[in-house]
Amino acid sequence: MKLICIFHQNQTPEQKNRVFQGISSFTLHIIAMLLMLCDHLWATILFQYDWLTWVGRLAYPIFAFMLVEGYFHTHNLKKYMGRLLFWAILSEIPFNLMYGGGLIYPFHQNVLWTFILGLLCITAIEKTRNKGKPLLTMIVFLLLAVVGYLLGFIAMVDYFGYGVLIILVFYLFRGRKWWCLLGQFVGLFWINVMLIGGLSVPVQILGHEIFIVQQSMACLALVPIWLYTGKQGPHNKIIQTCFYAFYPVHILILSLVALL
């Protein structure tokens, strides 16, 4: 029994002629960036608009999903890891300005460090899986899930150990089979609602008061994720650099506006 779902998409000519064919990697990145911008606008200069952070809850799962896809589609894992490391270092000062109001803030690290932790876990698991020993692979997966979870808290990366677990959920249930999609939903719900929890808001539905956990909005990220076709869309070095640069640049701009 394989640890990971395998999905091969074969489109018929009739399917290719449809007006809407799903979402490419390019479009998914744009959606995630806009959602992240909403959250950071709330965190810096528009904190009176709570809906911005509610919407922003959808951003991280999309980025986590794309990280896993990036692992399986990259032609050079070392360069991929190197890019993440470079931008993680470059993003630290803007992130410190946003969260700590100064150049140094050792109590919270930017989200790219979370991605690096997740990517290291995936790399180690894949090396074990390639040996063709399913039981050993499962043991290694569980051990690294625990280690990644603990390191996320020790290093105080963004989303802490929960962020690493979300990455591993998308790795474990990668594919389009029904049980993969179910696993993604259950995994996101468990991590965001049961583990992270946090703020909940009462909502009246048919005369009954129901409390909705803010973090549960992250589960809605599965809508654009499930519309992903596996296609890359527009891509070149300039676009790739813009995607990476967006993170520190928009945080720096918002932080400076907030401070000034």
C-alpha atoms as a PDB file:
ATOM      1  CA  MET A   1       0.000   0.000   0.000  1.00  0.00           C
ATOM      2  CA  LYS A   2       1.491   3.316  -1.065  1.00  0.00           C
ATOM      3  CA  LEU A   3       1.821   6.146   1.399  1.00  0.00           C
ATOM      4  CA  ILE A   4       0.913   8.864  -1.091  1.00  0.00           C
ATOM      5  CA  CYS A   5      -1.934   9.135  -3.581  1.00  0.00           C
ATOM      6  CA  ILE A   6      -0.819   9.275  -7.225  1.00  0.00           C
ATOM      7  CA  PHE A   7      -2.857  11.384  -9.637  1.00  0.00           C
ATOM      8  CA  HIS A   8      -2.380  11.454 -13.390  1.00  0.00           C
ATOM      9  CA  GLN A   9      -4.730  13.841 -15.133  1.00  0.00           C
ATOM     10  CA  ASN A  10      -5.732  12.898 -18.688  1.00  0.00           C
ATOM     11  CA  GLN A  11      -8.075  15.369 -20.375  1.00  0.00           C
ATOM     12  CA  THR A  12     -10.298  14.442 -23.278  1.00  0.00           C
ATOM     13  CA  PRO A  13     -10.628  16.875 -26.237  1.00  0.00           C
ATOM     14  CA  GLU A  14     -14.140  17.690 -25.012  1.00  0.00           C
ATOM     15  CA  GLN A  15     -12.796  18.668 -21.582  1.00  0.00           C
ATOM     16  CA  LYS A  16     -10.108  20.873 -23.109  1.00  0.00           C
ATOM     17  CA  ASN A  17     -12.738  22.909 -24.954  1.00  0.00           C
ATOM     18  CA  ARG A  18     -14.557  23.902 -21.791  1.00  0.00           C
ATOM     19  CA  VAL A  19     -14.552  27.599 -20.861  1.00  0.00           C
ATOM     20  CA  PHE A  20     -13.316  26.993 -17.306  1.00  0.00           C
ATOM     21  CA  GLN A  21     -10.569  24.405 -17.025  1.00  0.00           C
ATOM     22  CA  GLY A  22      -9.521  24.966 -13.451  1.00  0.00           C
ATOM     23  CA  ILE A  23      -6.737  26.911 -11.774  1.00  0.00           C
ATOM     24  CA  SER A  24      -3.064  26.889 -12.727  1.00  0.00           C
ATOM     25  CA  SER A  25      -0.141  27.177 -10.332  1.00  0.00           C
ATOM     26  CA  PHE A  26       0.277  30.811 -11.373  1.00  0.00           C
ATOM     27  CA  THR A  27      -3.351  31.668 -10.529  1.00  0.00           C
ATOM     28  CA  LEU A  28      -3.197  29.767  -7.249  1.00  0.00           C
ATOM     29  CA  HIS A  29      -0.131  31.749  -6.218  1.00  0.00           C
ATOM     30  CA  ILE A  30      -1.894  35.041  -7.030  1.00  0.00           C
ATOM     31  CA  ILE A  31      -4.927  34.023  -4.959  1.00  0.00           C
ATOM     32  CA  ALA A  32      -2.724  33.034  -2.005  1.00  0.00           C
ATOM     33  CA  MET A  33      -0.756  36.287  -2.198  1.00  0.00           C
ATOM     34  CA  LEU A  34      -3.933  38.406  -2.179  1.00  0.00           C
ATOM     35  CA  LEU A  35      -5.302  36.456   0.789  1.00  0.00           C
ATOM     36  CA  MET A  36      -2.019  36.905   2.655  1.00  0.00           C
ATOM     37  CA  LEU A  37      -2.085  40.630   1.858  1.00  0.00           C
ATOM     38  CA  CYS A  38      -5.541  40.863   3.444  1.00  0.00           C
ATOM     39  CA  ASP A  39      -4.268  39.282   6.642  1.00  0.00           C
ATOM     40  CA  HIS A  40      -1.213  41.522   6.815  1.00  0.00           C
ATOM     41  CA  LEU A  41      -3.283  44.653   6.102  1.00  0.00           C
ATOM     42  CA  TRP A  42      -5.330  43.753   9.173  1.00  0.00           C
ATOM     43  CA  ALA A  43      -2.179  43.081  11.226  1.00  0.00           C
ATOM     44  CA  THR A  44      -0.617  46.459  10.400  1.00  0.00           C
ATOM     45  CA  ILE A  45      -2.872  49.322   9.334  1.00  0.00           C
ATOM     46  CA  LEU A  46      -6.468  48.105   8.978  1.00  0.00           C
ATOM     47  CA  PHE A  47      -6.925  46.219  12.232  1.00  0.00           C
ATOM     48  CA  GLN A  48     -10.475  47.569  12.611  1.00  0.00           C
ATOM     49  CA  TYR A  49     -11.606  45.372   9.699  1.00  0.00           C
ATOM     50  CA  ASP A  50     -11.720  41.901  11.223  1.00  0.00           C
ATOM     51  CA  TRP A  51     -12.989  40.321   8.009  1.00  0.00           C
ATOM     52  CA  LEU A  52      -9.517  40.805   6.525  1.00  0.00           C
ATOM     53  CA  THR A  53      -7.917  38.346   8.941  1.00  0.00           C
ATOM     54  CA  TRP A  54     -10.826  35.917   8.549  1.00  0.00           C
ATOM     55  CA  VAL A  55     -10.206  35.881   4.814  1.00  0.00           C
ATOM     56  CA  GLY A  56      -6.477  35.707   5.435  1.00  0.00           C
ATOM     57  CA  ARG A  57      -6.845  32.315   7.158  1.00  0.00           C
ATOM     58  CA  LEU A  58      -7.112  30.741   3.683  1.00  0.00           C
ATOM     59  CA  ALA A  59      -3.620  31.814   2.612  1.00  0.00           C
ATOM     60  CA  TYR A  60      -1.356  29.439   4.529  1.00  0.00           C
ATOM     61  CA  PRO A  61      -2.946  26.128   3.426  1.00  0.00           C
ATOM     62  CA  ILE A  62      -2.640  27.214  -0.214  1.00  0.00           C
ATOM     63  CA  PHE A  63       1.037  28.060   0.206  1.00  0.00           C
ATOM     64  CA  ALA A  64       1.593  24.768   2.060  1.00  0.00           C
ATOM     65  CA  PHE A  65      -0.083  22.876  -0.787  1.00  0.00           C
ATOM     66  CA  MET A  66       2.046  24.670  -3.390  1.00  0.00           C
ATOM     67  CA  LEU A  67       5.200  23.878  -1.405  1.00  0.00           C
ATOM     68  CA  VAL A  68       4.436  20.163  -1.661  1.00  0.00           C
ATOM     69  CA  GLU A  69       3.682  20.518  -5.379  1.00  0.00           C
ATOM     70  CA  GLY A  70       6.918  22.449  -5.759  1.00  0.00           C
ATOM     71  CA  TYR A  71       8.862  19.572  -4.207  1.00  0.00           C
ATOM     72  CA  PHE A  72       7.499  17.075  -6.720  1.00  0.00           C
ATOM     73  CA  HIS A  73       7.859  19.361  -9.734  1.00  0.00           C
ATOM     74  CA  THR A  74      11.209  21.029  -9.098  1.00  0.00           C
ATOM     75  CA  HIS A  75      14.111  20.014 -11.316  1.00  0.00           C
ATOM     76  CA  ASN A  76      16.677  20.914  -8.675  1.00  0.00           C
ATOM     77  CA  LEU A  77      15.778  20.409  -5.016  1.00  0.00           C
ATOM     78  CA  LYS A  78      18.973  22.069  -3.770  1.00  0.00           C
ATOM     79  CA  LYS A  79      18.212  25.249  -5.713  1.00  0.00           C
ATOM     80  CA  TYR A  80      14.613  25.170  -4.492  1.00  0.00           C
ATOM     81  CA  MET A  81      15.787  24.884  -0.903  1.00  0.00           C
ATOM     82  CA  GLY A  82      18.412  27.550  -1.529  1.00  0.00           C
ATOM     83  CA  ARG A  83      15.811  30.012  -2.817  1.00  0.00           C
ATOM     84  CA  LEU A  84      13.646  29.446   0.248  1.00  0.00           C
ATOM     85  CA  LEU A  85      16.652  29.963   2.530  1.00  0.00           C
ATOM     86  CA  PHE A  86      17.737  33.139   0.722  1.00  0.00           C
ATOM     87  CA  TRP A  87      14.288  34.736   0.913  1.00  0.00           C
ATOM     88  CA  ALA A  88      13.746  33.528   4.476  1.00  0.00           C
ATOM     89  CA  ILE A  89      16.871  35.425   5.564  1.00  0.00           C
ATOM     90  CA  LEU A  90      15.907  38.460   3.480  1.00  0.00           C
ATOM     91  CA  SER A  91      12.374  38.484   4.914  1.00  0.00           C
ATOM     92  CA  GLU A  92      13.396  38.376   8.557  1.00  0.00           C
ATOM     93  CA  ILE A  93      13.889  42.117   9.117  1.00  0.00           C
ATOM     94  CA  PRO A  94      10.602  43.128   7.431  1.00  0.00           C
ATOM     95  CA  PHE A  95       8.860  40.409   9.443  1.00  0.00           C
ATOM     96  CA  ASN A  96      10.480  41.657  12.656  1.00  0.00           C
ATOM     97  CA  LEU A  97       9.263  45.180  11.886  1.00  0.00           C
ATOM     98  CA  MET A  98       5.714  43.933  11.416  1.00  0.00           C
ATOM     99  CA  TYR A  99       5.510  41.715  14.494  1.00  0.00           C
ATOM    100  CA  GLY A 100       7.955  43.340  16.879  1.00  0.00           C
ATOM    101  CA  GLY A 101       8.205  46.926  15.675  1.00  0.00           C
ATOM    102  CA  GLY A 102      11.999  46.731  15.432  1.00  0.00           C
ATOM    103  CA  LEU A 103      14.857  45.230  13.457  1.00  0.00           C
ATOM    104  CA  ILE A 104      15.318  42.384  15.946  1.00  0.00           C
ATOM    105  CA  TYR A 105      12.470  40.254  17.241  1.00  0.00           C
ATOM    106  CA  PRO A 106      13.623  36.751  18.258  1.00  0.00           C
ATOM    107  CA  PHE A 107      10.213  35.498  19.410  1.00  0.00           C
ATOM    108  CA  HIS A 108       8.619  34.842  16.014  1.00  0.00           C
ATOM    109  CA  GLN A 109      10.210  33.884  12.679  1.00  0.00           C
ATOM    110  CA  ASN A 110       8.749  34.356   9.215  1.00  0.00           C
ATOM    111  CA  VAL A 111       6.758  31.680   7.424  1.00  0.00           C
ATOM    112  CA  LEU A 112       9.517  30.720   4.971  1.00  0.00           C
ATOM    113  CA  TRP A 113      11.327  29.019   7.856  1.00  0.00           C
ATOM    114  CA  THR A 114       8.182  26.948   8.372  1.00  0.00           C
ATOM    115  CA  PHE A 115       8.324  25.949   4.705  1.00  0.00           C
ATOM    116  CA  ILE A 116      11.977  24.969   5.041  1.00  0.00           C
ATOM    117  CA  LEU A 117      11.183  22.734   8.023  1.00  0.00           C
ATOM    118  CA  GLY A 118       8.350  21.099   6.096  1.00  0.00           C
ATOM    119  CA  LEU A 119      10.493  20.614   3.011  1.00  0.00           C
ATOM    120  CA  LEU A 120      13.271  18.972   5.043  1.00  0.00           C
ATOM    121  CA  CYS A 121      10.731  16.547   6.532  1.00  0.00           C
ATOM    122  CA  ILE A 122       9.355  15.663   3.085  1.00  0.00           C
ATOM    123  CA  THR A 123      12.849  15.137   1.677  1.00  0.00           C
ATOM    124  CA  ALA A 124      13.773  12.729   4.478  1.00  0.00           C
ATOM    125  CA  ILE A 125      10.500  10.805   4.143  1.00  0.00           C
ATOM    126  CA  GLU A 126      10.892  10.493   0.377  1.00  0.00           C
ATOM    127  CA  LYS A 127      14.410   9.088   0.725  1.00  0.00           C
ATOM    128  CA  THR A 128      12.996   6.374   2.977  1.00  0.00           C
ATOM    129  CA  ARG A 129      10.004   5.735   0.697  1.00  0.00           C
ATOM    130  CA  ASN A 130      12.285   5.206  -2.284  1.00  0.00           C
ATOM    131  CA  LYS A 131      13.796   2.208  -0.496  1.00  0.00           C
ATOM    132  CA  GLY A 132      10.498   0.391  -0.972  1.00  0.00           C
ATOM    133  CA  LYS A 133       9.793  -0.306   2.691  1.00  0.00           C
ATOM    134  CA  PRO A 134       6.247   0.923   3.488  1.00  0.00           C
ATOM    135  CA  LEU A 135       6.342   0.104   7.212  1.00  0.00           C
ATOM    136  CA  LEU A 136       9.662   1.890   7.703  1.00  0.00           C
ATOM    137  CA  THR A 137       8.352   4.833   5.679  1.00  0.00           C
ATOM    138  CA  MET A 138       5.297   5.137   7.912  1.00  0.00           C
ATOM    139  CA  ILE A 139       7.453   5.021  11.042  1.00  0.00           C
ATOM    140  CA  VAL A 140       9.789   7.687   9.653  1.00  0.00           C
ATOM    141  CA  PHE A 141       6.786   9.804   8.641  1.00  0.00           C
ATOM    142  CA  LEU A 142       5.319   9.679  12.158  1.00  0.00           C
ATOM    143  CA  LEU A 143       8.676  10.411  13.791  1.00  0.00           C
ATOM    144  CA  LEU A 144       9.375  13.372  11.521  1.00  0.00           C
ATOM    145  CA  ALA A 145       5.839  14.680  12.040  1.00  0.00           C
ATOM    146  CA  VAL A 146       6.533  14.780  15.779  1.00  0.00           C
ATOM    147  CA  VAL A 147      10.034  16.229  15.341  1.00  0.00           C
ATOM    148  CA  GLY A 148       8.821  18.847  12.830  1.00  0.00           C
ATOM    149  CA  TYR A 149       5.938  19.770  15.119  1.00  0.00           C
ATOM    150  CA  LEU A 150       8.255  20.270  18.104  1.00  0.00           C
ATOM    151  CA  LEU A 151      10.883  22.155  16.091  1.00  0.00           C
ATOM    152  CA  GLY A 152       8.182  24.494  14.815  1.00  0.00           C
ATOM    153  CA  PHE A 153       7.511  25.577  18.398  1.00  0.00           C
ATOM    154  CA  ILE A 154      11.143  25.586  19.499  1.00  0.00           C
ATOM    155  CA  ALA A 155      12.200  27.748  16.541  1.00  0.00           C
ATOM    156  CA  MET A 156       9.020  29.863  16.925  1.00  0.00           C
ATOM    157  CA  VAL A 157       8.384  29.892  13.190  1.00  0.00           C
ATOM    158  CA  ASP A 158       5.143  31.306  11.824  1.00  0.00           C
ATOM    159  CA  TYR A 159       2.242  28.888  12.421  1.00  0.00           C
ATOM    160  CA  PHE A 160       4.638  27.049  14.744  1.00  0.00           C
ATOM    161  CA  GLY A 161       4.445  23.241  14.611  1.00  0.00           C
ATOM    162  CA  TYR A 162       0.916  23.404  13.229  1.00  0.00           C
ATOM    163  CA  GLY A 163       2.302  24.795   9.985  1.00  0.00           C
ATOM    164  CA  VAL A 164       4.627  21.818   9.569  1.00  0.00           C
ATOM    165  CA  LEU A 165       1.729  19.416  10.163  1.00  0.00           C
ATOM    166  CA  ILE A 166      -0.385  21.143   7.495  1.00  0.00           C
ATOM    167  CA  ILE A 167       2.440  20.686   4.987  1.00  0.00           C
ATOM    168  CA  LEU A 168       2.667  16.995   5.875  1.00  0.00           C
ATOM    169  CA  VAL A 169      -1.108  16.596   5.475  1.00  0.00           C
ATOM    170  CA  PHE A 170      -0.866  17.778   1.873  1.00  0.00           C
ATOM    171  CA  TYR A 171       2.133  15.506   1.353  1.00  0.00           C
ATOM    172  CA  LEU A 172       0.435  12.432   2.801  1.00  0.00           C
ATOM    173  CA  PHE A 173      -2.832  12.978   0.958  1.00  0.00           C
ATOM    174  CA  ARG A 174      -1.439  14.242  -2.319  1.00  0.00           C
ATOM    175  CA  GLY A 175      -3.809  13.300  -5.131  1.00  0.00           C
ATOM    176  CA  ARG A 176      -7.384  13.451  -6.384  1.00  0.00           C
ATOM    177  CA  LYS A 177      -8.804  10.189  -5.125  1.00  0.00           C
ATOM    178  CA  TRP A 178     -11.793  10.674  -2.840  1.00  0.00           C
ATOM    179  CA  TRP A 179      -9.946   9.506   0.247  1.00  0.00           C
ATOM    180  CA  CYS A 180      -7.094  11.923  -0.497  1.00  0.00           C
ATOM    181  CA  LEU A 181      -9.529  14.843  -0.631  1.00  0.00           C
ATOM    182  CA  LEU A 182     -11.259  13.604   2.511  1.00  0.00           C
ATOM    183  CA  GLY A 183      -7.885  13.271   4.244  1.00  0.00           C
ATOM    184  CA  GLN A 184      -6.987  16.849   3.323  1.00  0.00           C
ATOM    185  CA  PHE A 185     -10.258  18.160   4.758  1.00  0.00           C
ATOM    186  CA  VAL A 186     -10.103  16.103   7.947  1.00  0.00           C
ATOM    187  CA  GLY A 187      -6.429  17.007   8.440  1.00  0.00           C
ATOM    188  CA  LEU A 188      -7.032  20.736   7.986  1.00  0.00           C
ATOM    189  CA  PHE A 189     -10.106  20.682  10.214  1.00  0.00           C
ATOM    190  CA  TRP A 190      -8.317  18.778  12.974  1.00  0.00           C
ATOM    191  CA  ILE A 191      -5.241  21.031  12.949  1.00  0.00           C
ATOM    192  CA  ASN A 192      -7.016  24.382  12.585  1.00  0.00           C
ATOM    193  CA  VAL A 193     -10.090  23.793  14.738  1.00  0.00           C
ATOM    194  CA  MET A 194      -9.079  21.143  17.249  1.00  0.00           C
ATOM    195  CA  LEU A 195      -5.392  22.005  17.725  1.00  0.00           C
ATOM    196  CA  ILE A 196      -5.089  25.733  16.944  1.00  0.00           C
ATOM    197  CA  GLY A 197      -8.632  26.765  17.879  1.00  0.00           C
ATOM    198  CA  GLY A 198      -8.628  30.319  19.173  1.00  0.00           C
ATOM    199  CA  LEU A 199     -11.178  33.048  18.553  1.00  0.00           C
ATOM    200  CA  SER A 200     -14.752  31.922  17.894  1.00  0.00           C
ATOM    201  CA  VAL A 201     -17.728  34.066  16.917  1.00  0.00           C
ATOM    202  CA  PRO A 202     -21.419  33.302  17.593  1.00  0.00           C
ATOM    203  CA  VAL A 203     -23.618  33.095  14.495  1.00  0.00           C
ATOM    204  CA  GLN A 204     -27.411  32.754  14.429  1.00  0.00           C
ATOM    205  CA  ILE A 205     -28.569  29.990  12.052  1.00  0.00           C
ATOM    206  CA  LEU A 206     -32.272  29.075  11.976  1.00  0.00           C
ATOM    207  CA  GLY A 207     -32.745  30.426  15.471  1.00  0.00           C
ATOM    208  CA  HIS A 208     -29.800  28.517  16.889  1.00  0.00           C
ATOM    209  CA  GLU A 209     -26.549  30.084  18.062  1.00  0.00           C
ATOM    210  CA  ILE A 210     -23.521  28.376  16.563  1.00  0.00           C
ATOM    211  CA  PHE A 211     -19.921  29.331  17.333  1.00  0.00           C
ATOM    212  CA  ILE A 212     -17.614  29.456  14.319  1.00  0.00           C
ATOM    213  CA  VAL A 213     -13.882  29.231  15.004  1.00  0.00           C
ATOM    214  CA  GLN A 214     -11.995  31.854  13.031  1.00  0.00           C
ATOM    215  CA  GLN A 215      -9.223  29.424  12.162  1.00  0.00           C
ATOM    216  CA  SER A 216     -11.784  27.059  10.594  1.00  0.00           C
ATOM    217  CA  MET A 217     -11.833  29.407   7.602  1.00  0.00           C
ATOM    218  CA  ALA A 218      -8.570  27.736   6.584  1.00  0.00           C
ATOM    219  CA  CYS A 219     -10.614  24.728   5.428  1.00  0.00           C
ATOM    220  CA  LEU A 220     -12.145  26.900   2.689  1.00  0.00           C
ATOM    221  CA  ALA A 221      -8.694  27.039   1.096  1.00  0.00           C
ATOM    222  CA  LEU A 222      -9.494  23.567  -0.236  1.00  0.00           C
ATOM    223  CA  VAL A 223     -11.900  25.112  -2.769  1.00  0.00           C
ATOM    224  CA  PRO A 224      -9.186  26.767  -4.925  1.00  0.00           C
ATOM    225  CA  ILE A 225      -6.778  23.925  -4.129  1.00  0.00           C
ATOM    226  CA  TRP A 226      -9.210  21.327  -5.509  1.00  0.00           C
ATOM    227  CA  LEU A 227      -9.676  23.479  -8.629  1.00  0.00           C
ATOM    228  CA  TYR A 228      -5.934  23.258  -9.292  1.00  0.00           C
ATOM    229  CA  THR A 229      -5.278  21.439 -12.570  1.00  0.00           C
ATOM    230  CA  GLY A 230      -1.609  20.664 -12.122  1.00  0.00           C
ATOM    231  CA  LYS A 231      -0.657  23.085 -14.890  1.00  0.00           C
ATOM    232  CA  GLN A 232       2.017  25.690 -14.253  1.00  0.00           C
ATOM    233  CA  GLY A 233       0.605  28.635 -16.196  1.00  0.00           C
ATOM    234  CA  PRO A 234       2.811  31.656 -17.017  1.00  0.00           C
ATOM    235  CA  HIS A 235       6.293  31.074 -15.654  1.00  0.00           C
ATOM    236  CA  ASN A 236       9.765  32.539 -16.036  1.00  0.00           C
ATOM    237  CA  LYS A 237      12.571  33.845 -13.832  1.00  0.00           C
ATOM    238  CA  ILE A 238      10.970  37.282 -13.476  1.00  0.00           C
ATOM    239  CA  ILE A 239       7.618  35.868 -12.347  1.00  0.00           C
ATOM    240  CA  GLN A 240       9.360  33.461  -9.963  1.00  0.00           C
ATOM    241  CA  THR A 241      11.386  36.306  -8.410  1.00  0.00           C
ATOM    242  CA  CYS A 242       8.276  38.490  -8.081  1.00  0.00           C
ATOM    243  CA  PHE A 243       6.437  35.715  -6.256  1.00  0.00           C
ATOM    244  CA  TYR A 244       9.266  35.343  -3.746  1.00  0.00           C
ATOM    245  CA  ALA A 245       9.890  39.095  -3.427  1.00  0.00           C
ATOM    246  CA  PHE A 246       6.228  39.868  -2.782  1.00  0.00           C
ATOM    247  CA  TYR A 247       6.479  38.435   0.724  1.00  0.00           C
ATOM    248  CA  PRO A 248       9.236  40.669   2.196  1.00  0.00           C
ATOM    249  CA  VAL A 249       8.414  43.711   0.047  1.00  0.00           C
ATOM    250  CA  HIS A 250       4.724  44.018   0.957  1.00  0.00           C
ATOM    251  CA  ILE A 251       5.486  43.322   4.637  1.00  0.00           C
ATOM    252  CA  LEU A 252       8.195  46.017   4.634  1.00  0.00           C
ATOM    253  CA  ILE A 253       5.889  48.577   3.010  1.00  0.00           C
ATOM    254  CA  LEU A 254       3.002  47.874   5.391  1.00  0.00           C
ATOM    255  CA  SER A 255       5.305  47.902   8.402  1.00  0.00           C
ATOM    256  CA  LEU A 256       6.843  51.254   7.471  1.00  0.00           C
ATOM    257  CA  VAL A 257       3.401  52.761   6.861  1.00  0.00           C
ATOM    258  CA  ALA A 258       2.254  51.478  10.266  1.00  0.00           C
ATOM    259  CA  LEU A 259       5.343  52.840  12.032  1.00  0.00           C
ATOM    260  CA  LEU A 260       5.187  56.228  10.328  1.00  0.00           C
END
